[in-house]
Amino acid sequence: MPTATLNGTVIAEAAEDDVLHIEGNVYFPPSSVKAEFLTTSPTPYTCPWKGECQYFTVTVDGQALPDRAWSYPHPYPTAFDRVGKDFSNYVAFWKEVQVS
């Protein structure tokens, strides 16, 4: 079962059948993410094929790590064909957030 953790705190957890693997990152369905650890970030980014990205600051035990999570609230419709599924609002993590 894929799990995203920071300093031993579980931020997201889902069955392998429920996550998506996109460009080497694990994307967790929105229902599997503990939203209390995420706050929206103002960092702008638009992926050429996925669309406009929403970054999040991940905060655990007072440690705030900007832009360590992201999602695509409204991906381009053509991205669904490329991924094989609607991944709107699925969340991926990087750097200090360990996904195993």
PDB file of N, CA and C in Angstrom:
ATOM      1  N   MET A   1       0.850  -1.177   0.000  1.00  0.00           N
ATOM      2  CA  MET A   1       0.000   0.000   0.000  1.00  0.00           C
ATOM      3  C   MET A   1       0.894   1.238   0.000  1.00  0.00           C
ATOM      4  N   PRO A   2       0.871   2.043  -1.068  1.00  0.00           N
ATOM      5  CA  PRO A   2       1.681   3.258  -1.095  1.00  0.00           C
ATOM      6  C   PRO A   2       1.301   4.218   0.030  1.00  0.00           C
ATOM      7  N   THR A   3       2.334   4.786   0.646  1.00  0.00           N
ATOM      8  CA  THR A   3       2.159   5.704   1.765  1.00  0.00           C
ATOM      9  C   THR A   3       3.111   6.880   1.605  1.00  0.00           C
ATOM     10  N   ALA A   4       2.610   8.100   1.890  1.00  0.00           N
ATOM     11  CA  ALA A   4       3.450   9.299   1.913  1.00  0.00           C
ATOM     12  C   ALA A   4       3.604   9.715   3.366  1.00  0.00           C
ATOM     13  N   THR A   5       4.856   9.850   3.828  1.00  0.00           N
ATOM     14  CA  THR A   5       5.103  10.217   5.221  1.00  0.00           C
ATOM     15  C   THR A   5       6.139  11.330   5.303  1.00  0.00           C
ATOM     16  N   LEU A   6       6.043  12.094   6.378  1.00  0.00           N
ATOM     17  CA  LEU A   6       7.044  13.102   6.708  1.00  0.00           C
ATOM     18  C   LEU A   6       7.346  12.952   8.188  1.00  0.00           C
ATOM     19  N   ASN A   7       8.603  12.639   8.500  1.00  0.00           N
ATOM     20  CA  ASN A   7       9.028  12.437   9.893  1.00  0.00           C
ATOM     21  C   ASN A   7       8.130  11.452  10.627  1.00  0.00           C
ATOM     22  N   GLY A   8       7.733  10.383   9.941  1.00  0.00           N
ATOM     23  CA  GLY A   8       6.931   9.333  10.555  1.00  0.00           C
ATOM     24  C   GLY A   8       5.440   9.598  10.576  1.00  0.00           C
ATOM     25  N   THR A   9       5.001  10.774  10.153  1.00  0.00           N
ATOM     26  CA  THR A   9       3.578  11.100  10.120  1.00  0.00           C
ATOM     27  C   THR A   9       3.017  10.759   8.742  1.00  0.00           C
ATOM     28  N   VAL A  10       1.951   9.967   8.713  1.00  0.00           N
ATOM     29  CA  VAL A  10       1.320   9.583   7.446  1.00  0.00           C
ATOM     30  C   VAL A  10       0.488  10.753   6.923  1.00  0.00           C
ATOM     31  N   ILE A  11       0.794  11.161   5.700  1.00  0.00           N
ATOM     32  CA  ILE A  11       0.080  12.254   5.052  1.00  0.00           C
ATOM     33  C   ILE A  11      -0.939  11.718   4.053  1.00  0.00           C
ATOM     34  N   ALA A  12      -0.600  10.599   3.423  1.00  0.00           N
ATOM     35  CA  ALA A  12      -1.500   9.968   2.458  1.00  0.00           C
ATOM     36  C   ALA A  12      -1.227   8.476   2.421  1.00  0.00           C
ATOM     37  N   GLU A  13      -2.289   7.712   2.171  1.00  0.00           N
ATOM     38  CA  GLU A  13      -2.152   6.261   2.092  1.00  0.00           C
ATOM     39  C   GLU A  13      -3.307   5.736   1.258  1.00  0.00           C
ATOM     40  N   ALA A  14      -2.981   4.858   0.296  1.00  0.00           N
ATOM     41  CA  ALA A  14      -4.018   4.313  -0.572  1.00  0.00           C
ATOM     42  C   ALA A  14      -3.576   2.957  -1.103  1.00  0.00           C
ATOM     43  N   ALA A  15      -4.540   2.173  -1.528  1.00  0.00           N
ATOM     44  CA  ALA A  15      -4.242   0.887  -2.147  1.00  0.00           C
ATOM     45  C   ALA A  15      -3.533   1.116  -3.480  1.00  0.00           C
ATOM     46  N   GLU A  16      -2.673   0.199  -3.854  1.00  0.00           N
ATOM     47  CA  GLU A  16      -1.933   0.328  -5.113  1.00  0.00           C
ATOM     48  C   GLU A  16      -2.882   0.525  -6.297  1.00  0.00           C
ATOM     49  N   ASP A  17      -4.024  -0.143  -6.285  1.00  0.00           N
ATOM     50  CA  ASP A  17      -4.993  -0.019  -7.382  1.00  0.00           C
ATOM     51  C   ASP A  17      -5.604   1.374  -7.472  1.00  0.00           C
ATOM     52  N   ASP A  18      -5.508   2.161  -6.397  1.00  0.00           N
ATOM     53  CA  ASP A  18      -6.129   3.485  -6.372  1.00  0.00           C
ATOM     54  C   ASP A  18      -5.177   4.630  -6.725  1.00  0.00           C
ATOM     55  N   VAL A  19      -3.865   4.393  -6.640  1.00  0.00           N
ATOM     56  CA  VAL A  19      -2.900   5.442  -6.970  1.00  0.00           C
ATOM     57  C   VAL A  19      -2.581   5.405  -8.458  1.00  0.00           C
ATOM     58  N   LEU A  20      -2.031   6.503  -8.943  1.00  0.00           N
ATOM     59  CA  LEU A  20      -1.586   6.576 -10.335  1.00  0.00           C
ATOM     60  C   LEU A  20      -0.092   6.862 -10.350  1.00  0.00           C
ATOM     61  N   HIS A  21       0.589   6.273 -11.310  1.00  0.00           N
ATOM     62  CA  HIS A  21       2.014   6.511 -11.489  1.00  0.00           C
ATOM     63  C   HIS A  21       2.179   7.347 -12.752  1.00  0.00           C
ATOM     64  N   ILE A  22       2.616   8.602 -12.564  1.00  0.00           N
ATOM     65  CA  ILE A  22       2.763   9.524 -13.683  1.00  0.00           C
ATOM     66  C   ILE A  22       4.166  10.116 -13.631  1.00  0.00           C
ATOM     67  N   GLU A  23       4.938   9.906 -14.680  1.00  0.00           N
ATOM     68  CA  GLU A  23       6.289  10.463 -14.792  1.00  0.00           C
ATOM     69  C   GLU A  23       7.136  10.202 -13.551  1.00  0.00           C
ATOM     70  N   GLY A  24       7.076   8.995 -13.016  1.00  0.00           N
ATOM     71  CA  GLY A  24       7.901   8.612 -11.881  1.00  0.00           C
ATOM     72  C   GLY A  24       7.383   9.053 -10.523  1.00  0.00           C
ATOM     73  N   ASN A  25       6.215   9.690 -10.493  1.00  0.00           N
ATOM     74  CA  ASN A  25       5.622  10.127  -9.224  1.00  0.00           C
ATOM     75  C   ASN A  25       4.360   9.326  -8.929  1.00  0.00           C
ATOM     76  N   VAL A  26       4.105   9.113  -7.646  1.00  0.00           N
ATOM     77  CA  VAL A  26       2.887   8.435  -7.205  1.00  0.00           C
ATOM     78  C   VAL A  26       1.859   9.508  -6.878  1.00  0.00           C
ATOM     79  N   TYR A  27       0.706   9.431  -7.530  1.00  0.00           N
ATOM     80  CA  TYR A  27      -0.387  10.379  -7.299  1.00  0.00           C
ATOM     81  C   TYR A  27      -1.473   9.675  -6.483  1.00  0.00           C
ATOM     82  N   PHE A  28      -1.789  10.261  -5.329  1.00  0.00           N
ATOM     83  CA  PHE A  28      -2.772   9.703  -4.412  1.00  0.00           C
ATOM     84  C   PHE A  28      -4.149  10.307  -4.682  1.00  0.00           C
ATOM     85  N   PRO A  29      -5.213   9.482  -4.624  1.00  0.00           N
ATOM     86  CA  PRO A  29      -6.552  10.047  -4.792  1.00  0.00           C
ATOM     87  C   PRO A  29      -6.852  11.031  -3.664  1.00  0.00           C
ATOM     88  N   PRO A  30      -7.634  12.075  -3.955  1.00  0.00           N
ATOM     89  CA  PRO A  30      -7.895  13.117  -2.946  1.00  0.00           C
ATOM     90  C   PRO A  30      -8.440  12.574  -1.632  1.00  0.00           C
ATOM     91  N   SER A  31      -9.259  11.547  -1.687  1.00  0.00           N
ATOM     92  CA  SER A  31      -9.870  11.000  -0.467  1.00  0.00           C
ATOM     93  C   SER A  31      -8.855  10.323   0.446  1.00  0.00           C
ATOM     94  N   SER A  32      -7.661  10.014  -0.077  1.00  0.00           N
ATOM     95  CA  SER A  32      -6.645   9.320   0.723  1.00  0.00           C
ATOM     96  C   SER A  32      -5.637  10.274   1.357  1.00  0.00           C
ATOM     97  N   VAL A  33      -5.770  11.565   1.065  1.00  0.00           N
ATOM     98  CA  VAL A  33      -4.813  12.564   1.547  1.00  0.00           C
ATOM     99  C   VAL A  33      -5.379  13.270   2.774  1.00  0.00           C
ATOM    100  N   LYS A  34      -4.556  13.386   3.815  1.00  0.00           N
ATOM    101  CA  LYS A  34      -4.970  14.088   5.035  1.00  0.00           C
ATOM    102  C   LYS A  34      -4.761  15.586   4.817  1.00  0.00           C
ATOM    103  N   ALA A  35      -5.840  16.253   4.421  1.00  0.00           N
ATOM    104  CA  ALA A  35      -5.782  17.661   4.009  1.00  0.00           C
ATOM    105  C   ALA A  35      -5.293  18.596   5.103  1.00  0.00           C
ATOM    106  N   GLU A  36      -5.392  18.185   6.368  1.00  0.00           N
ATOM    107  CA  GLU A  36      -4.952  19.074   7.450  1.00  0.00           C
ATOM    108  C   GLU A  36      -3.443  19.344   7.413  1.00  0.00           C
ATOM    109  N   PHE A  37      -2.689  18.530   6.652  1.00  0.00           N
ATOM    110  CA  PHE A  37      -1.247  18.740   6.544  1.00  0.00           C
ATOM    111  C   PHE A  37      -0.862  19.599   5.338  1.00  0.00           C
ATOM    112  N   LEU A  38      -1.846  19.996   4.519  1.00  0.00           N
ATOM    113  CA  LEU A  38      -1.561  20.745   3.297  1.00  0.00           C
ATOM    114  C   LEU A  38      -2.223  22.118   3.314  1.00  0.00           C
ATOM    115  N   THR A  39      -1.492  23.121   2.858  1.00  0.00           N
ATOM    116  CA  THR A  39      -2.072  24.442   2.623  1.00  0.00           C
ATOM    117  C   THR A  39      -1.651  24.876   1.223  1.00  0.00           C
ATOM    118  N   THR A  40      -2.546  25.560   0.530  1.00  0.00           N
ATOM    119  CA  THR A  40      -2.244  25.956  -0.840  1.00  0.00           C
ATOM    120  C   THR A  40      -1.077  26.932  -0.890  1.00  0.00           C
ATOM    121  N   SER A  41      -0.293  26.801  -1.922  1.00  0.00           N
ATOM    122  CA  SER A  41       0.872  27.641  -2.143  1.00  0.00           C
ATOM    123  C   SER A  41       0.591  28.538  -3.346  1.00  0.00           C
ATOM    124  N   PRO A  42       1.150  29.749  -3.343  1.00  0.00           N
ATOM    125  CA  PRO A  42       0.935  30.650  -4.482  1.00  0.00           C
ATOM    126  C   PRO A  42       1.841  30.359  -5.679  1.00  0.00           C
ATOM    127  N   THR A  43       2.720  29.376  -5.577  1.00  0.00           N
ATOM    128  CA  THR A  43       3.669  29.098  -6.649  1.00  0.00           C
ATOM    129  C   THR A  43       2.941  28.714  -7.937  1.00  0.00           C
ATOM    130  N   PRO A  44       3.181  29.456  -9.024  1.00  0.00           N
ATOM    131  CA  PRO A  44       2.515  29.140 -10.285  1.00  0.00           C
ATOM    132  C   PRO A  44       3.302  28.129 -11.118  1.00  0.00           C
ATOM    133  N   TYR A  45       2.596  27.254 -11.804  1.00  0.00           N
ATOM    134  CA  TYR A  45       3.227  26.346 -12.754  1.00  0.00           C
ATOM    135  C   TYR A  45       2.144  25.766 -13.650  1.00  0.00           C
ATOM    136  N   THR A  46       2.463  25.648 -14.922  1.00  0.00           N
ATOM    137  CA  THR A  46       1.567  24.984 -15.859  1.00  0.00           C
ATOM    138  C   THR A  46       2.377  23.956 -16.631  1.00  0.00           C
ATOM    139  N   CYS A  47       1.973  22.719 -16.533  1.00  0.00           N
ATOM    140  CA  CYS A  47       2.618  21.632 -17.266  1.00  0.00           C
ATOM    141  C   CYS A  47       2.118  21.684 -18.713  1.00  0.00           C
ATOM    142  N   PRO A  48       3.016  21.521 -19.688  1.00  0.00           N
ATOM    143  CA  PRO A  48       2.596  21.603 -21.080  1.00  0.00           C
ATOM    144  C   PRO A  48       1.524  20.582 -21.471  1.00  0.00           C
ATOM    145  N   TRP A  49       1.513  19.422 -20.810  1.00  0.00           N
ATOM    146  CA  TRP A  49       0.514  18.422 -21.210  1.00  0.00           C
ATOM    147  C   TRP A  49      -0.521  18.111 -20.129  1.00  0.00           C
ATOM    148  N   LYS A  50      -0.231  18.424 -18.855  1.00  0.00           N
ATOM    149  CA  LYS A  50      -1.211  18.142 -17.789  1.00  0.00           C
ATOM    150  C   LYS A  50      -2.084  19.352 -17.467  1.00  0.00           C
ATOM    151  N   GLY A  51      -1.540  20.559 -17.606  1.00  0.00           N
ATOM    152  CA  GLY A  51      -2.323  21.759 -17.320  1.00  0.00           C
ATOM    153  C   GLY A  51      -1.809  22.520 -16.116  1.00  0.00           C
ATOM    154  N   GLU A  52      -2.680  23.372 -15.556  1.00  0.00           N
ATOM    155  CA  GLU A  52      -2.305  24.229 -14.436  1.00  0.00           C
ATOM    156  C   GLU A  52      -2.178  23.428 -13.148  1.00  0.00           C
ATOM    157  N   CYS A  53      -1.075  23.636 -12.461  1.00  0.00           N
ATOM    158  CA  CYS A  53      -0.739  22.894 -11.242  1.00  0.00           C
ATOM    159  C   CYS A  53      -1.061  23.732  -9.999  1.00  0.00           C
ATOM    160  N   GLN A  54      -1.486  23.043  -8.946  1.00  0.00           N
ATOM    161  CA  GLN A  54      -1.660  23.673  -7.635  1.00  0.00           C
ATOM    162  C   GLN A  54      -0.629  23.066  -6.699  1.00  0.00           C
ATOM    163  N   TYR A  55       0.282  23.898  -6.203  1.00  0.00           N
ATOM    164  CA  TYR A  55       1.254  23.419  -5.224  1.00  0.00           C
ATOM    165  C   TYR A  55       0.708  23.575  -3.809  1.00  0.00           C
ATOM    166  N   PHE A  56       1.279  22.797  -2.882  1.00  0.00           N
ATOM    167  CA  PHE A  56       0.889  22.846  -1.478  1.00  0.00           C
ATOM    168  C   PHE A  56       2.130  22.883  -0.599  1.00  0.00           C
ATOM    169  N   THR A  57       2.026  23.588   0.531  1.00  0.00           N
ATOM    170  CA  THR A  57       3.021  23.513   1.589  1.00  0.00           C
ATOM    171  C   THR A  57       2.607  22.359   2.492  1.00  0.00           C
ATOM    172  N   VAL A  58       3.543  21.482   2.807  1.00  0.00           N
ATOM    173  CA  VAL A  58       3.289  20.361   3.705  1.00  0.00           C
ATOM    174  C   VAL A  58       3.807  20.760   5.081  1.00  0.00           C
ATOM    175  N   THR A  59       2.935  20.707   6.098  1.00  0.00           N
ATOM    176  CA  THR A  59       3.328  21.091   7.455  1.00  0.00           C
ATOM    177  C   THR A  59       3.040  19.953   8.424  1.00  0.00           C
ATOM    178  N   VAL A  60       4.093  19.516   9.116  1.00  0.00           N
ATOM    179  CA  VAL A  60       3.982  18.458  10.123  1.00  0.00           C
ATOM    180  C   VAL A  60       4.796  18.894  11.339  1.00  0.00           C
ATOM    181  N   ASP A  61       4.184  18.855  12.510  1.00  0.00           N
ATOM    182  CA  ASP A  61       4.861  19.216  13.765  1.00  0.00           C
ATOM    183  C   ASP A  61       5.558  20.580  13.668  1.00  0.00           C
ATOM    184  N   GLY A  62       4.900  21.544  13.044  1.00  0.00           N
ATOM    185  CA  GLY A  62       5.437  22.883  12.954  1.00  0.00           C
ATOM    186  C   GLY A  62       6.470  23.092  11.858  1.00  0.00           C
ATOM    187  N   GLN A  63       6.877  22.025  11.192  1.00  0.00           N
ATOM    188  CA  GLN A  63       7.844  22.128  10.099  1.00  0.00           C
ATOM    189  C   GLN A  63       7.078  22.317   8.792  1.00  0.00           C
ATOM    190  N   ALA A  64       7.193  23.499   8.175  1.00  0.00           N
ATOM    191  CA  ALA A  64       6.499  23.806   6.926  1.00  0.00           C
ATOM    192  C   ALA A  64       7.469  23.699   5.758  1.00  0.00           C
ATOM    193  N   LEU A  65       7.122  22.857   4.800  1.00  0.00           N
ATOM    194  CA  LEU A  65       7.958  22.652   3.619  1.00  0.00           C
ATOM    195  C   LEU A  65       7.184  23.091   2.380  1.00  0.00           C
ATOM    196  N   PRO A  66       7.511  24.266   1.842  1.00  0.00           N
ATOM    197  CA  PRO A  66       6.776  24.799   0.693  1.00  0.00           C
ATOM    198  C   PRO A  66       6.913  23.932  -0.560  1.00  0.00           C
ATOM    199  N   ASP A  67       5.816  23.808  -1.269  1.00  0.00           N
ATOM    200  CA  ASP A  67       5.774  23.172  -2.590  1.00  0.00           C
ATOM    201  C   ASP A  67       6.232  21.712  -2.594  1.00  0.00           C
ATOM    202  N   ARG A  68       6.002  21.008  -1.509  1.00  0.00           N
ATOM    203  CA  ARG A  68       6.399  19.600  -1.458  1.00  0.00           C
ATOM    204  C   ARG A  68       5.281  18.660  -1.915  1.00  0.00           C
ATOM    205  N   ALA A  69       4.127  19.234  -2.253  1.00  0.00           N
ATOM    206  CA  ALA A  69       3.023  18.447  -2.795  1.00  0.00           C
ATOM    207  C   ALA A  69       2.369  19.260  -3.904  1.00  0.00           C
ATOM    208  N   TRP A  70       1.739  18.574  -4.830  1.00  0.00           N
ATOM    209  CA  TRP A  70       1.049  19.271  -5.911  1.00  0.00           C
ATOM    210  C   TRP A  70      -0.066  18.404  -6.484  1.00  0.00           C
ATOM    211  N   SER A  71      -0.977  19.077  -7.176  1.00  0.00           N
ATOM    212  CA  SER A  71      -2.058  18.382  -7.872  1.00  0.00           C
ATOM    213  C   SER A  71      -2.454  19.209  -9.089  1.00  0.00           C
ATOM    214  N   TYR A  72      -3.317  18.623  -9.878  1.00  0.00           N
ATOM    215  CA  TYR A  72      -3.864  19.287 -11.055  1.00  0.00           C
ATOM    216  C   TYR A  72      -5.378  19.324 -10.892  1.00  0.00           C
ATOM    217  N   PRO A  73      -5.917  20.460 -10.412  1.00  0.00           N
ATOM    218  CA  PRO A  73      -7.362  20.545 -10.173  1.00  0.00           C
ATOM    219  C   PRO A  73      -8.203  20.384 -11.439  1.00  0.00           C
ATOM    220  N   HIS A  74      -7.687  20.892 -12.553  1.00  0.00           N
ATOM    221  CA  HIS A  74      -8.434  20.842 -13.823  1.00  0.00           C
ATOM    222  C   HIS A  74      -7.477  20.483 -14.964  1.00  0.00           C
ATOM    223  N   PRO A  75      -7.045  19.216 -15.014  1.00  0.00           N
ATOM    224  CA  PRO A  75      -6.102  18.834 -16.074  1.00  0.00           C
ATOM    225  C   PRO A  75      -6.733  19.000 -17.465  1.00  0.00           C
ATOM    226  N   TYR A  76      -5.848  19.148 -18.450  1.00  0.00           N
ATOM    227  CA  TYR A  76      -6.324  19.181 -19.828  1.00  0.00           C
ATOM    228  C   TYR A  76      -7.009  17.853 -20.152  1.00  0.00           C
ATOM    229  N   PRO A  77      -8.141  17.868 -20.852  1.00  0.00           N
ATOM    230  CA  PRO A  77      -8.835  16.618 -21.216  1.00  0.00           C
ATOM    231  C   PRO A  77      -7.934  15.631 -21.970  1.00  0.00           C
ATOM    232  N   THR A  78      -7.000  16.146 -22.772  1.00  0.00           N
ATOM    233  CA  THR A  78      -6.103  15.247 -23.499  1.00  0.00           C
ATOM    234  C   THR A  78      -5.157  14.495 -22.557  1.00  0.00           C
ATOM    235  N   ALA A  79      -4.931  15.046 -21.363  1.00  0.00           N
ATOM    236  CA  ALA A  79      -4.069  14.370 -20.384  1.00  0.00           C
ATOM    237  C   ALA A  79      -4.727  13.106 -19.858  1.00  0.00           C
ATOM    238  N   PHE A  80      -6.063  13.088 -19.792  1.00  0.00           N
ATOM    239  CA  PHE A  80      -6.764  11.881 -19.328  1.00  0.00           C
ATOM    240  C   PHE A  80      -6.462  10.713 -20.257  1.00  0.00           C
ATOM    241  N   ASP A  81      -6.417  10.982 -21.557  1.00  0.00           N
ATOM    242  CA  ASP A  81      -6.105   9.929 -22.524  1.00  0.00           C
ATOM    243  C   ASP A  81      -4.682   9.425 -22.321  1.00  0.00           C
ATOM    244  N   ARG A  82      -3.769  10.343 -22.070  1.00  0.00           N
ATOM    245  CA  ARG A  82      -2.361   9.969 -21.895  1.00  0.00           C
ATOM    246  C   ARG A  82      -2.160   9.150 -20.624  1.00  0.00           C
ATOM    247  N   VAL A  83      -2.850   9.526 -19.538  1.00  0.00           N
ATOM    248  CA  VAL A  83      -2.693   8.842 -18.253  1.00  0.00           C
ATOM    249  C   VAL A  83      -3.587   7.593 -18.189  1.00  0.00           C
ATOM    250  N   GLY A  84      -4.710   7.657 -18.868  1.00  0.00           N
ATOM    251  CA  GLY A  84      -5.640   6.532 -18.856  1.00  0.00           C
ATOM    252  C   GLY A  84      -6.732   6.666 -17.815  1.00  0.00           C
ATOM    253  N   LYS A  85      -6.778   7.799 -17.129  1.00  0.00           N
ATOM    254  CA  LYS A  85      -7.760   8.010 -16.071  1.00  0.00           C
ATOM    255  C   LYS A  85      -7.835   9.501 -15.739  1.00  0.00           C
ATOM    256  N   ASP A  86      -8.970   9.921 -15.211  1.00  0.00           N
ATOM    257  CA  ASP A  86      -9.125  11.289 -14.720  1.00  0.00           C
ATOM    258  C   ASP A  86      -8.348  11.408 -13.408  1.00  0.00           C
ATOM    259  N   PHE A  87      -7.317  12.249 -13.391  1.00  0.00           N
ATOM    260  CA  PHE A  87      -6.483  12.403 -12.191  1.00  0.00           C
ATOM    261  C   PHE A  87      -6.687  13.768 -11.535  1.00  0.00           C
ATOM    262  N   SER A  88      -7.815  14.394 -11.771  1.00  0.00           N
ATOM    263  CA  SER A  88      -8.111  15.696 -11.162  1.00  0.00           C
ATOM    264  C   SER A  88      -7.975  15.619  -9.645  1.00  0.00           C
ATOM    265  N   ASN A  89      -7.221  16.536  -9.082  1.00  0.00           N
ATOM    266  CA  ASN A  89      -7.013  16.672  -7.634  1.00  0.00           C
ATOM    267  C   ASN A  89      -6.230  15.541  -6.981  1.00  0.00           C
ATOM    268  N   TYR A  90      -5.710  14.601  -7.746  1.00  0.00           N
ATOM    269  CA  TYR A  90      -4.811  13.600  -7.162  1.00  0.00           C
ATOM    270  C   TYR A  90      -3.555  14.351  -6.702  1.00  0.00           C
ATOM    271  N   VAL A  91      -2.926  13.890  -5.625  1.00  0.00           N
ATOM    272  CA  VAL A  91      -1.811  14.624  -5.025  1.00  0.00           C
ATOM    273  C   VAL A  91      -0.533  13.791  -5.071  1.00  0.00           C
ATOM    274  N   ALA A  92       0.550  14.438  -5.501  1.00  0.00           N
ATOM    275  CA  ALA A  92       1.872  13.818  -5.499  1.00  0.00           C
ATOM    276  C   ALA A  92       2.775  14.592  -4.543  1.00  0.00           C
ATOM    277  N   PHE A  93       3.863  13.940  -4.110  1.00  0.00           N
ATOM    278  CA  PHE A  93       4.780  14.515  -3.128  1.00  0.00           C
ATOM    279  C   PHE A  93       6.209  14.356  -3.611  1.00  0.00           C
ATOM    280  N   TRP A  94       7.127  15.167  -3.028  1.00  0.00           N
ATOM    281  CA  TRP A  94       8.543  15.021  -3.376  1.00  0.00           C
ATOM    282  C   TRP A  94       9.439  15.513  -2.253  1.00  0.00           C
ATOM    283  N   LYS A  95      10.732  15.368  -2.522  1.00  0.00           N
ATOM    284  CA  LYS A  95      11.815  15.724  -1.594  1.00  0.00           C
ATOM    285  C   LYS A  95      11.647  15.041  -0.235  1.00  0.00           C
ATOM    286  N   GLU A  96      11.480  15.825   0.851  1.00  0.00           N
ATOM    287  CA  GLU A  96      11.484  15.245   2.198  1.00  0.00           C
ATOM    288  C   GLU A  96      10.297  14.318   2.481  1.00  0.00           C
ATOM    289  N   VAL A  97       9.237  14.475   1.733  1.00  0.00           N
ATOM    290  CA  VAL A  97       8.073  13.587   1.925  1.00  0.00           C
ATOM    291  C   VAL A  97       8.404  12.258   1.257  1.00  0.00           C
ATOM    292  N   GLN A  98       8.481  11.214   2.074  1.00  0.00           N
ATOM    293  CA  GLN A  98       8.872   9.904   1.570  1.00  0.00           C
ATOM    294  C   GLN A  98       7.639   9.120   1.100  1.00  0.00           C
ATOM    295  N   VAL A  99       7.715   8.609  -0.114  1.00  0.00           N
ATOM    296  CA  VAL A  99       6.648   7.772  -0.642  1.00  0.00           C
ATOM    297  C   VAL A  99       7.202   6.363  -0.780  1.00  0.00           C
ATOM    298  N   SER A 100       6.555   5.433  -0.104  1.00  0.00           N
ATOM    299  CA  SER A 100       7.013   4.042  -0.161  1.00  0.00           C
ATOM    300  C   SER A 100       5.840   3.114  -0.374  1.00  0.00           C
TER     301      SER A 100
END
